[in-house]
Amino acid sequence: MKYAIYTPNDFKLVPWRNGKGVTTELIIKSLPDSDRFMWRLSAAGVVNDGEFSDFSGYDRILILTEGNGVILDYGNGRQDVLNQPLDCVSFSGDWKTSAKLINGLVKDFNVMSNRDYCSAKADVFKTTEAHRLKIESDCLLVYAADEDIHLTTNENDKVLLPVGQLFYANEPPKSVLTIEGRSVVCVQIIYRKH
């Protein structure tokens, strides 16, 4: 499996669209000749209650990585509460989403996918035992959220992924990845056939 590892030196600080904060962009797949993107992974600290930026046309996955929690209200009668590490929720970027913090600031991990081009699926692993992830995607990304983790591919390649770093494999073989370590976020991107 061919892969790259992205470190904080590769990440980029980007202002929120609504101007009320900053996100750390871990990796982005841009669309040619456009200011839009196909997909993006990022992490952000949220220090105040407030509305999310408008990302109409995108599907979103949000994962709590630090803090006491957050309540998401989508303005359509639905609410989600994330109050445990690696709690995860999917929602539409079209919705007018607002966040209410539960006793202090939080940090979160975000996946955005342009639904015209792709879809995204996230798996989170909270415990230390070995986990087996079936790879069935066009891109595989693994983030070490809270501690170093170890990955073993079907070819028996062993990879150390230090905390706060991102593993990225484009066009990974359909296989199984063994993951050892807790606080792991795995994202698989599937492209739509045009």
N, C-alpha and C. Protein backbone atom coordinates (compact mmCIF):
# COMPACT_ATOMS: atom_id res chain seq x y z
N MET A 1 0.85 -1.19 0.00
CA MET A 1 0.00 0.00 0.00
C MET A 1 0.89 1.24 0.00
N LYS A 2 0.69 2.11 -0.97
CA LYS A 2 1.43 3.37 -1.01
C LYS A 2 0.71 4.40 -0.14
N TYR A 3 1.48 5.12 0.65
CA TYR A 3 0.85 6.06 1.58
C TYR A 3 1.80 7.23 1.85
N ALA A 4 1.25 8.27 2.44
CA ALA A 4 2.02 9.41 2.93
C ALA A 4 1.55 9.73 4.33
N ILE A 5 2.43 10.33 5.13
CA ILE A 5 2.06 10.77 6.47
C ILE A 5 2.20 12.29 6.54
N TYR A 6 1.12 12.94 6.94
CA TYR A 6 1.10 14.40 7.07
C TYR A 6 1.29 14.77 8.54
N THR A 7 2.19 15.70 8.78
CA THR A 7 2.49 16.16 10.13
C THR A 7 1.95 17.58 10.30
N PRO A 8 1.96 18.11 11.53
CA PRO A 8 1.49 19.49 11.71
C PRO A 8 2.22 20.51 10.84
N ASN A 9 3.45 20.20 10.40
CA ASN A 9 4.16 21.11 9.49
C ASN A 9 3.46 21.21 8.14
N ASP A 10 2.66 20.20 7.79
CA ASP A 10 1.95 20.19 6.51
C ASP A 10 0.57 20.83 6.62
N PHE A 11 0.08 21.01 7.85
CA PHE A 11 -1.27 21.54 8.05
C PHE A 11 -1.28 23.05 7.82
N LYS A 12 -2.47 23.57 7.60
CA LYS A 12 -2.62 24.98 7.23
C LYS A 12 -3.76 25.60 8.03
N LEU A 13 -3.54 26.80 8.58
CA LEU A 13 -4.60 27.51 9.29
C LEU A 13 -5.46 28.27 8.27
N VAL A 14 -6.77 28.10 8.39
CA VAL A 14 -7.71 28.71 7.44
C VAL A 14 -8.83 29.38 8.22
N PRO A 15 -9.15 30.65 7.93
CA PRO A 15 -10.27 31.31 8.62
C PRO A 15 -11.60 30.63 8.28
N TRP A 16 -12.50 30.59 9.26
CA TRP A 16 -13.84 30.11 8.99
C TRP A 16 -14.51 31.02 7.97
N ARG A 17 -15.42 30.47 7.20
CA ARG A 17 -16.15 31.26 6.22
C ARG A 17 -16.93 32.40 6.87
N ASN A 18 -17.42 32.16 8.09
CA ASN A 18 -18.20 33.21 8.75
C ASN A 18 -17.32 34.18 9.53
N GLY A 19 -16.00 33.98 9.49
CA GLY A 19 -15.08 34.91 10.12
C GLY A 19 -15.00 34.82 11.63
N LYS A 20 -15.63 33.82 12.25
CA LYS A 20 -15.70 33.76 13.71
C LYS A 20 -14.73 32.78 14.34
N GLY A 21 -13.77 32.29 13.57
CA GLY A 21 -12.80 31.36 14.12
C GLY A 21 -11.81 30.93 13.05
N VAL A 22 -10.98 29.96 13.42
CA VAL A 22 -9.95 29.44 12.53
C VAL A 22 -9.98 27.92 12.60
N THR A 23 -9.78 27.28 11.46
CA THR A 23 -9.70 25.82 11.44
C THR A 23 -8.31 25.41 10.99
N THR A 24 -7.86 24.25 11.44
CA THR A 24 -6.60 23.69 10.96
C THR A 24 -6.92 22.68 9.86
N GLU A 25 -6.56 23.04 8.64
CA GLU A 25 -6.83 22.18 7.49
C GLU A 25 -5.73 21.13 7.41
N LEU A 26 -6.10 19.85 7.60
CA LEU A 26 -5.12 18.77 7.57
C LEU A 26 -4.79 18.36 6.15
N ILE A 27 -5.82 18.25 5.33
CA ILE A 27 -5.64 17.84 3.94
C ILE A 27 -6.89 18.25 3.16
N ILE A 28 -6.69 18.60 1.89
CA ILE A 28 -7.82 19.02 1.06
C ILE A 28 -7.61 18.50 -0.35
N LYS A 29 -8.69 18.07 -0.97
CA LYS A 29 -8.69 17.68 -2.39
C LYS A 29 -9.46 18.76 -3.13
N SER A 30 -8.73 19.63 -3.81
CA SER A 30 -9.34 20.78 -4.48
C SER A 30 -9.99 20.35 -5.80
N LEU A 31 -10.91 21.18 -6.26
CA LEU A 31 -11.50 21.01 -7.58
C LEU A 31 -10.78 21.94 -8.55
N PRO A 32 -10.37 21.45 -9.71
CA PRO A 32 -9.66 22.30 -10.66
C PRO A 32 -10.49 23.52 -11.06
N ASP A 33 -9.82 24.66 -11.20
CA ASP A 33 -10.45 25.89 -11.66
C ASP A 33 -11.68 26.27 -10.84
N SER A 34 -11.59 26.08 -9.53
CA SER A 34 -12.73 26.37 -8.66
C SER A 34 -12.21 26.74 -7.28
N ASP A 35 -13.00 27.54 -6.55
CA ASP A 35 -12.65 27.81 -5.16
C ASP A 35 -13.31 26.80 -4.22
N ARG A 36 -14.02 25.84 -4.80
CA ARG A 36 -14.64 24.77 -4.02
C ARG A 36 -13.68 23.59 -3.95
N PHE A 37 -13.99 22.65 -3.09
CA PHE A 37 -13.16 21.47 -2.97
C PHE A 37 -14.01 20.22 -3.04
N MET A 38 -13.34 19.09 -3.31
CA MET A 38 -14.04 17.82 -3.38
C MET A 38 -14.25 17.25 -1.98
N TRP A 39 -13.17 17.26 -1.18
CA TRP A 39 -13.28 16.84 0.21
C TRP A 39 -12.18 17.50 1.03
N ARG A 40 -12.41 17.55 2.35
CA ARG A 40 -11.44 18.18 3.24
C ARG A 40 -11.55 17.58 4.64
N LEU A 41 -10.40 17.41 5.28
CA LEU A 41 -10.34 17.03 6.69
C LEU A 41 -9.71 18.18 7.45
N SER A 42 -10.30 18.51 8.60
CA SER A 42 -9.79 19.63 9.38
C SER A 42 -10.07 19.41 10.86
N ALA A 43 -9.45 20.25 11.68
CA ALA A 43 -9.68 20.22 13.13
C ALA A 43 -9.81 21.65 13.61
N ALA A 44 -10.66 21.86 14.60
CA ALA A 44 -10.90 23.23 15.07
C ALA A 44 -11.19 23.24 16.56
N GLY A 45 -10.85 24.35 17.17
CA GLY A 45 -11.26 24.63 18.54
C GLY A 45 -12.45 25.56 18.50
N VAL A 46 -13.45 25.27 19.33
CA VAL A 46 -14.64 26.12 19.40
C VAL A 46 -14.71 26.69 20.81
N VAL A 47 -14.67 28.02 20.93
CA VAL A 47 -14.61 28.64 22.25
C VAL A 47 -15.91 29.34 22.63
N ASN A 48 -16.80 29.55 21.65
CA ASN A 48 -18.07 30.23 21.93
C ASN A 48 -19.22 29.53 21.23
N ASP A 49 -20.43 29.70 21.79
CA ASP A 49 -21.62 29.26 21.08
C ASP A 49 -21.73 30.04 19.78
N GLY A 50 -22.37 29.45 18.77
CA GLY A 50 -22.56 30.21 17.55
C GLY A 50 -22.95 29.34 16.37
N GLU A 51 -23.20 30.00 15.24
CA GLU A 51 -23.62 29.32 14.03
C GLU A 51 -22.42 28.78 13.26
N PHE A 52 -22.64 27.64 12.59
CA PHE A 52 -21.64 27.09 11.70
C PHE A 52 -21.64 27.88 10.39
N SER A 53 -20.52 27.84 9.69
CA SER A 53 -20.46 28.41 8.34
C SER A 53 -21.36 27.62 7.41
N ASP A 54 -21.82 28.29 6.35
CA ASP A 54 -22.66 27.66 5.34
C ASP A 54 -21.79 26.83 4.40
N PHE A 55 -22.04 25.53 4.35
CA PHE A 55 -21.37 24.65 3.40
C PHE A 55 -22.41 23.89 2.60
N SER A 56 -23.31 24.64 1.98
CA SER A 56 -24.33 24.03 1.14
C SER A 56 -23.66 23.23 0.02
N GLY A 57 -24.22 22.07 -0.27
CA GLY A 57 -23.65 21.19 -1.28
C GLY A 57 -22.68 20.17 -0.72
N TYR A 58 -22.38 20.28 0.58
CA TYR A 58 -21.46 19.35 1.22
C TYR A 58 -22.17 18.54 2.30
N ASP A 59 -21.71 17.32 2.51
CA ASP A 59 -22.11 16.54 3.67
C ASP A 59 -20.99 16.62 4.69
N ARG A 60 -21.37 16.65 5.97
CA ARG A 60 -20.39 16.86 7.02
C ARG A 60 -20.40 15.73 8.04
N ILE A 61 -19.23 15.45 8.58
CA ILE A 61 -19.08 14.55 9.72
C ILE A 61 -18.29 15.33 10.76
N LEU A 62 -18.80 15.37 11.99
CA LEU A 62 -18.11 16.06 13.07
C LEU A 62 -17.87 15.09 14.21
N ILE A 63 -16.64 15.08 14.72
CA ILE A 63 -16.22 14.16 15.77
C ILE A 63 -15.62 14.98 16.91
N LEU A 64 -16.14 14.79 18.12
CA LEU A 64 -15.61 15.49 19.29
C LEU A 64 -14.29 14.85 19.70
N THR A 65 -13.23 15.67 19.84
CA THR A 65 -11.93 15.13 20.26
C THR A 65 -11.50 15.60 21.65
N GLU A 66 -11.97 16.78 22.08
CA GLU A 66 -11.64 17.27 23.42
C GLU A 66 -12.78 18.12 23.95
N GLY A 67 -12.89 18.18 25.29
CA GLY A 67 -13.86 19.05 25.92
C GLY A 67 -15.05 18.30 26.48
N ASN A 68 -15.94 19.06 27.14
CA ASN A 68 -17.10 18.47 27.80
C ASN A 68 -18.28 18.24 26.88
N GLY A 69 -18.22 18.79 25.69
CA GLY A 69 -19.27 18.47 24.74
C GLY A 69 -19.91 19.68 24.09
N VAL A 70 -20.77 19.36 23.14
CA VAL A 70 -21.45 20.39 22.35
C VAL A 70 -22.81 19.86 21.92
N ILE A 71 -23.78 20.75 21.88
CA ILE A 71 -25.12 20.43 21.37
C ILE A 71 -25.25 21.10 20.00
N LEU A 72 -25.56 20.31 18.98
CA LEU A 72 -25.77 20.83 17.64
C LEU A 72 -27.27 20.93 17.37
N ASP A 73 -27.70 22.09 16.94
CA ASP A 73 -29.10 22.33 16.58
C ASP A 73 -29.14 22.72 15.11
N TYR A 74 -29.96 22.01 14.33
CA TYR A 74 -29.94 22.19 12.88
C TYR A 74 -31.09 23.08 12.37
N GLY A 75 -31.90 23.60 13.31
CA GLY A 75 -32.99 24.48 12.90
C GLY A 75 -34.14 23.77 12.21
N ASN A 76 -34.14 22.44 12.28
CA ASN A 76 -35.19 21.67 11.62
C ASN A 76 -35.88 20.70 12.58
N GLY A 77 -35.70 20.94 13.89
CA GLY A 77 -36.29 20.07 14.89
C GLY A 77 -35.36 18.98 15.38
N ARG A 78 -34.21 18.82 14.73
CA ARG A 78 -33.25 17.78 15.15
C ARG A 78 -32.11 18.42 15.94
N GLN A 79 -31.70 17.72 16.97
CA GLN A 79 -30.52 18.10 17.74
C GLN A 79 -29.65 16.86 17.95
N ASP A 80 -28.35 17.08 18.06
CA ASP A 80 -27.42 16.01 18.42
C ASP A 80 -26.56 16.50 19.57
N VAL A 81 -26.30 15.60 20.53
CA VAL A 81 -25.43 15.92 21.66
C VAL A 81 -24.18 15.06 21.56
N LEU A 82 -23.02 15.70 21.54
CA LEU A 82 -21.74 15.01 21.56
C LEU A 82 -21.07 15.36 22.88
N ASN A 83 -20.92 14.39 23.77
CA ASN A 83 -20.36 14.70 25.09
C ASN A 83 -19.34 13.68 25.58
N GLN A 84 -18.94 12.77 24.70
CA GLN A 84 -17.89 11.80 25.03
C GLN A 84 -16.82 11.87 23.94
N PRO A 85 -15.56 11.63 24.29
CA PRO A 85 -14.51 11.64 23.27
C PRO A 85 -14.85 10.69 22.12
N LEU A 86 -14.69 11.19 20.92
CA LEU A 86 -14.93 10.48 19.66
C LEU A 86 -16.41 10.24 19.37
N ASP A 87 -17.32 10.92 20.10
CA ASP A 87 -18.71 10.94 19.64
C ASP A 87 -18.72 11.53 18.24
N CYS A 88 -19.58 10.98 17.38
CA CYS A 88 -19.53 11.30 15.96
C CYS A 88 -20.94 11.52 15.43
N VAL A 89 -21.11 12.50 14.53
CA VAL A 89 -22.41 12.77 13.94
C VAL A 89 -22.24 13.19 12.49
N SER A 90 -23.20 12.81 11.65
CA SER A 90 -23.23 13.22 10.24
C SER A 90 -24.41 14.14 10.02
N PHE A 91 -24.22 15.18 9.20
CA PHE A 91 -25.32 16.10 8.90
C PHE A 91 -25.03 16.85 7.61
N SER A 92 -26.03 17.53 7.11
CA SER A 92 -25.90 18.24 5.85
C SER A 92 -25.32 19.64 6.07
N GLY A 93 -24.38 20.03 5.22
CA GLY A 93 -23.84 21.38 5.27
C GLY A 93 -24.84 22.43 4.83
N ASP A 94 -25.96 21.99 4.25
CA ASP A 94 -27.03 22.91 3.84
C ASP A 94 -27.82 23.43 5.05
N TRP A 95 -27.80 22.66 6.15
CA TRP A 95 -28.62 23.02 7.30
C TRP A 95 -28.02 24.22 8.03
N LYS A 96 -28.88 25.03 8.62
CA LYS A 96 -28.43 26.19 9.41
C LYS A 96 -28.08 25.69 10.82
N THR A 97 -26.88 25.19 10.96
CA THR A 97 -26.46 24.53 12.20
C THR A 97 -25.87 25.53 13.18
N SER A 98 -26.25 25.39 14.45
CA SER A 98 -25.64 26.20 15.51
C SER A 98 -25.15 25.26 16.61
N ALA A 99 -24.12 25.73 17.32
CA ALA A 99 -23.49 24.93 18.36
C ALA A 99 -23.63 25.62 19.70
N LYS A 100 -23.98 24.84 20.73
CA LYS A 100 -24.02 25.34 22.11
C LYS A 100 -23.05 24.48 22.92
N LEU A 101 -22.04 25.11 23.50
CA LEU A 101 -21.02 24.39 24.25
C LEU A 101 -21.56 23.93 25.60
N ILE A 102 -21.09 22.75 26.04
CA ILE A 102 -21.45 22.22 27.35
C ILE A 102 -20.26 22.44 28.28
N ASN A 103 -20.30 23.53 29.04
CA ASN A 103 -19.26 23.78 30.05
C ASN A 103 -17.85 23.88 29.46
N GLY A 104 -17.67 24.86 28.59
CA GLY A 104 -16.31 25.16 28.14
C GLY A 104 -16.00 24.78 26.71
N LEU A 105 -14.82 25.18 26.28
CA LEU A 105 -14.42 25.01 24.88
C LEU A 105 -14.28 23.53 24.52
N VAL A 106 -14.39 23.26 23.23
CA VAL A 106 -14.21 21.91 22.70
C VAL A 106 -13.27 21.96 21.50
N LYS A 107 -12.74 20.80 21.17
CA LYS A 107 -12.02 20.62 19.90
C LYS A 107 -12.74 19.53 19.13
N ASP A 108 -12.79 19.72 17.81
CA ASP A 108 -13.47 18.73 16.98
C ASP A 108 -12.69 18.45 15.71
N PHE A 109 -13.02 17.33 15.11
CA PHE A 109 -12.43 16.86 13.86
C PHE A 109 -13.55 16.87 12.83
N ASN A 110 -13.28 17.42 11.65
CA ASN A 110 -14.33 17.62 10.65
C ASN A 110 -13.99 16.94 9.34
N VAL A 111 -14.98 16.32 8.74
CA VAL A 111 -14.86 15.78 7.39
C VAL A 111 -15.95 16.43 6.55
N MET A 112 -15.57 17.00 5.42
CA MET A 112 -16.54 17.57 4.50
C MET A 112 -16.36 16.94 3.13
N SER A 113 -17.48 16.53 2.52
CA SER A 113 -17.43 15.91 1.20
C SER A 113 -18.47 16.56 0.29
N ASN A 114 -18.02 16.95 -0.89
CA ASN A 114 -18.89 17.56 -1.89
C ASN A 114 -19.75 16.45 -2.49
N ARG A 115 -21.06 16.51 -2.21
CA ARG A 115 -21.90 15.36 -2.56
C ARG A 115 -22.06 15.16 -4.07
N ASP A 116 -21.69 16.15 -4.88
CA ASP A 116 -21.72 15.95 -6.33
C ASP A 116 -20.59 15.04 -6.80
N TYR A 117 -19.54 14.92 -5.99
CA TYR A 117 -18.33 14.21 -6.42
C TYR A 117 -17.98 12.98 -5.59
N CYS A 118 -18.39 12.97 -4.32
CA CYS A 118 -17.93 11.87 -3.47
C CYS A 118 -18.80 11.75 -2.22
N SER A 119 -18.56 10.70 -1.48
CA SER A 119 -19.17 10.53 -0.16
C SER A 119 -18.08 10.11 0.80
N ALA A 120 -18.33 10.31 2.08
CA ALA A 120 -17.33 9.98 3.11
C ALA A 120 -17.98 9.13 4.20
N LYS A 121 -17.17 8.25 4.75
CA LYS A 121 -17.61 7.39 5.86
C LYS A 121 -16.53 7.45 6.93
N ALA A 122 -16.93 7.58 8.18
CA ALA A 122 -15.96 7.64 9.29
C ALA A 122 -16.18 6.49 10.26
N ASP A 123 -15.08 5.88 10.70
CA ASP A 123 -15.09 4.89 11.77
C ASP A 123 -14.19 5.42 12.88
N VAL A 124 -14.64 5.29 14.13
CA VAL A 124 -13.82 5.71 15.26
C VAL A 124 -13.58 4.51 16.18
N PHE A 125 -12.37 4.45 16.71
CA PHE A 125 -12.00 3.36 17.62
C PHE A 125 -11.51 3.98 18.92
N LYS A 126 -12.19 3.67 20.01
CA LYS A 126 -11.92 4.32 21.30
C LYS A 126 -11.06 3.49 22.23
N THR A 127 -10.94 2.20 21.97
CA THR A 127 -10.25 1.31 22.91
C THR A 127 -8.93 0.83 22.33
N THR A 128 -8.08 0.25 23.17
CA THR A 128 -6.70 -0.05 22.77
C THR A 128 -6.53 -1.37 22.04
N GLU A 129 -7.51 -2.26 22.05
CA GLU A 129 -7.28 -3.54 21.39
C GLU A 129 -7.16 -3.35 19.88
N ALA A 130 -6.63 -4.37 19.20
CA ALA A 130 -6.45 -4.29 17.75
C ALA A 130 -7.81 -4.27 17.05
N HIS A 131 -7.93 -3.38 16.09
CA HIS A 131 -9.14 -3.26 15.30
C HIS A 131 -8.82 -3.59 13.85
N ARG A 132 -9.78 -4.19 13.17
CA ARG A 132 -9.59 -4.52 11.76
C ARG A 132 -10.57 -3.70 10.94
N LEU A 133 -10.03 -2.91 10.03
CA LEU A 133 -10.83 -2.02 9.20
C LEU A 133 -10.83 -2.54 7.77
N LYS A 134 -12.01 -2.82 7.26
CA LYS A 134 -12.14 -3.27 5.87
C LYS A 134 -12.05 -2.05 4.96
N ILE A 135 -11.11 -2.08 4.02
CA ILE A 135 -10.90 -0.95 3.13
C ILE A 135 -11.68 -1.18 1.84
N GLU A 136 -12.63 -0.28 1.59
CA GLU A 136 -13.45 -0.36 0.38
C GLU A 136 -13.69 1.05 -0.14
N SER A 137 -12.61 1.74 -0.49
CA SER A 137 -12.74 3.16 -0.83
C SER A 137 -11.68 3.57 -1.83
N ASP A 138 -11.81 4.81 -2.31
CA ASP A 138 -10.82 5.39 -3.23
C ASP A 138 -9.70 6.10 -2.49
N CYS A 139 -9.98 6.55 -1.26
CA CYS A 139 -8.97 7.18 -0.41
C CYS A 139 -9.20 6.72 1.02
N LEU A 140 -8.10 6.46 1.71
CA LEU A 140 -8.16 6.07 3.12
C LEU A 140 -7.33 7.05 3.92
N LEU A 141 -7.92 7.57 5.00
CA LEU A 141 -7.22 8.50 5.89
C LEU A 141 -7.39 8.04 7.33
N VAL A 142 -6.30 8.06 8.09
CA VAL A 142 -6.34 7.64 9.49
C VAL A 142 -5.67 8.74 10.31
N TYR A 143 -6.35 9.18 11.38
CA TYR A 143 -5.85 10.26 12.23
C TYR A 143 -5.66 9.74 13.64
N ALA A 144 -4.48 10.01 14.22
CA ALA A 144 -4.19 9.64 15.60
C ALA A 144 -4.61 10.80 16.50
N ALA A 145 -5.78 10.69 17.10
CA ALA A 145 -6.38 11.84 17.79
C ALA A 145 -5.76 12.13 19.16
N ASP A 146 -5.33 11.08 19.88
CA ASP A 146 -4.95 11.30 21.28
C ASP A 146 -3.66 10.62 21.70
N GLU A 147 -3.18 9.65 20.90
CA GLU A 147 -1.93 8.97 21.24
C GLU A 147 -1.38 8.31 19.98
N ASP A 148 -0.12 7.88 20.03
CA ASP A 148 0.48 7.17 18.89
C ASP A 148 -0.31 5.89 18.63
N ILE A 149 -0.42 5.53 17.36
CA ILE A 149 -1.08 4.28 16.99
C ILE A 149 -0.20 3.51 16.00
N HIS A 150 -0.50 2.23 15.86
CA HIS A 150 0.25 1.37 14.94
C HIS A 150 -0.71 0.79 13.91
N LEU A 151 -0.28 0.83 12.64
CA LEU A 151 -1.07 0.28 11.55
C LEU A 151 -0.29 -0.87 10.92
N THR A 152 -1.01 -1.92 10.53
CA THR A 152 -0.40 -3.03 9.82
C THR A 152 -1.24 -3.33 8.59
N THR A 153 -0.62 -3.26 7.42
CA THR A 153 -1.34 -3.52 6.16
C THR A 153 -1.37 -5.01 5.87
N ASN A 154 -2.17 -5.38 4.86
CA ASN A 154 -2.22 -6.79 4.45
C ASN A 154 -0.87 -7.29 3.95
N GLU A 155 -0.04 -6.36 3.46
CA GLU A 155 1.30 -6.74 3.00
C GLU A 155 2.27 -6.86 4.17
N ASN A 156 1.74 -6.71 5.40
CA ASN A 156 2.50 -6.79 6.64
C ASN A 156 3.46 -5.62 6.82
N ASP A 157 3.19 -4.50 6.11
CA ASP A 157 3.92 -3.27 6.40
C ASP A 157 3.44 -2.73 7.73
N LYS A 158 4.37 -2.34 8.59
CA LYS A 158 4.02 -1.79 9.90
C LYS A 158 4.33 -0.30 9.89
N VAL A 159 3.35 0.50 10.30
CA VAL A 159 3.47 1.94 10.25
C VAL A 159 3.17 2.51 11.64
N LEU A 160 4.09 3.33 12.16
CA LEU A 160 3.84 4.09 13.38
C LEU A 160 3.25 5.43 12.98
N LEU A 161 2.08 5.75 13.52
CA LEU A 161 1.45 7.05 13.26
C LEU A 161 1.44 7.83 14.58
N PRO A 162 2.33 8.83 14.72
CA PRO A 162 2.38 9.59 15.97
C PRO A 162 1.12 10.42 16.18
N VAL A 163 0.86 10.73 17.45
CA VAL A 163 -0.33 11.50 17.81
C VAL A 163 -0.35 12.82 17.03
N GLY A 164 -1.54 13.19 16.56
CA GLY A 164 -1.71 14.44 15.84
C GLY A 164 -1.31 14.39 14.39
N GLN A 165 -0.96 13.20 13.88
CA GLN A 165 -0.56 13.08 12.48
C GLN A 165 -1.59 12.29 11.69
N LEU A 166 -1.50 12.40 10.36
CA LEU A 166 -2.51 11.87 9.46
C LEU A 166 -1.87 10.94 8.43
N PHE A 167 -2.41 9.73 8.33
CA PHE A 167 -2.01 8.74 7.33
C PHE A 167 -2.93 8.87 6.13
N TYR A 168 -2.38 8.90 4.91
CA TYR A 168 -3.19 9.07 3.70
C TYR A 168 -2.75 8.07 2.63
N ALA A 169 -3.69 7.24 2.19
CA ALA A 169 -3.44 6.31 1.09
C ALA A 169 -4.45 6.57 -0.01
N ASN A 170 -3.94 6.92 -1.20
CA ASN A 170 -4.79 7.13 -2.37
C ASN A 170 -4.88 5.81 -3.13
N GLU A 171 -6.08 5.46 -3.54
CA GLU A 171 -6.35 4.20 -4.25
C GLU A 171 -5.76 3.00 -3.49
N PRO A 172 -6.14 2.85 -2.22
CA PRO A 172 -5.63 1.70 -1.46
C PRO A 172 -6.22 0.40 -1.99
N PRO A 173 -5.48 -0.70 -1.89
CA PRO A 173 -6.04 -1.98 -2.33
C PRO A 173 -7.20 -2.38 -1.42
N LYS A 174 -8.15 -3.07 -1.99
CA LYS A 174 -9.27 -3.61 -1.20
C LYS A 174 -8.69 -4.68 -0.29
N SER A 175 -8.61 -4.37 0.98
CA SER A 175 -7.94 -5.27 1.92
C SER A 175 -8.40 -4.94 3.33
N VAL A 176 -7.63 -5.36 4.32
CA VAL A 176 -7.95 -5.09 5.72
C VAL A 176 -6.75 -4.42 6.36
N LEU A 177 -7.00 -3.36 7.11
CA LEU A 177 -5.96 -2.65 7.86
C LEU A 177 -6.14 -2.97 9.34
N THR A 178 -5.07 -3.40 9.99
CA THR A 178 -5.12 -3.64 11.44
C THR A 178 -4.60 -2.39 12.16
N ILE A 179 -5.36 -1.93 13.14
CA ILE A 179 -5.07 -0.69 13.85
C ILE A 179 -4.96 -0.99 15.34
N GLU A 180 -3.85 -0.59 15.94
CA GLU A 180 -3.65 -0.77 17.38
C GLU A 180 -3.47 0.60 18.02
N GLY A 181 -4.29 0.89 19.01
CA GLY A 181 -4.24 2.18 19.67
C GLY A 181 -5.64 2.73 19.84
N ARG A 182 -5.79 3.66 20.79
CA ARG A 182 -7.12 4.22 21.04
C ARG A 182 -7.20 5.63 20.45
N SER A 183 -8.40 6.16 20.39
CA SER A 183 -8.65 7.49 19.85
C SER A 183 -8.18 7.59 18.40
N VAL A 184 -8.74 6.70 17.59
CA VAL A 184 -8.40 6.62 16.17
C VAL A 184 -9.61 7.05 15.34
N VAL A 185 -9.36 7.92 14.35
CA VAL A 185 -10.40 8.31 13.41
C VAL A 185 -10.00 7.81 12.03
N CYS A 186 -10.84 7.00 11.42
CA CYS A 186 -10.60 6.48 10.07
C CYS A 186 -11.66 7.04 9.12
N VAL A 187 -11.22 7.59 8.01
CA VAL A 187 -12.14 8.17 7.03
C VAL A 187 -11.89 7.50 5.69
N GLN A 188 -12.97 7.06 5.05
CA GLN A 188 -12.89 6.51 3.71
C GLN A 188 -13.71 7.38 2.76
N ILE A 189 -13.09 7.75 1.64
CA ILE A 189 -13.73 8.59 0.63
C ILE A 189 -14.02 7.72 -0.59
N ILE A 190 -15.28 7.79 -1.05
CA ILE A 190 -15.69 7.04 -2.24
C ILE A 190 -16.11 8.04 -3.30
N TYR A 191 -15.46 7.98 -4.47
CA TYR A 191 -15.79 8.92 -5.55
C TYR A 191 -17.01 8.46 -6.31
N ARG A 192 -17.82 9.42 -6.72
CA ARG A 192 -18.97 9.13 -7.57
C ARG A 192 -18.49 9.01 -9.00
N LYS A 193 -19.05 8.07 -9.73
CA LYS A 193 -18.68 7.88 -11.13
C LYS A 193 -19.46 8.87 -11.99
N HIS A 194 -18.75 9.69 -12.74
CA HIS A 194 -19.40 10.68 -13.59
C HIS A 194 -19.34 10.22 -15.06
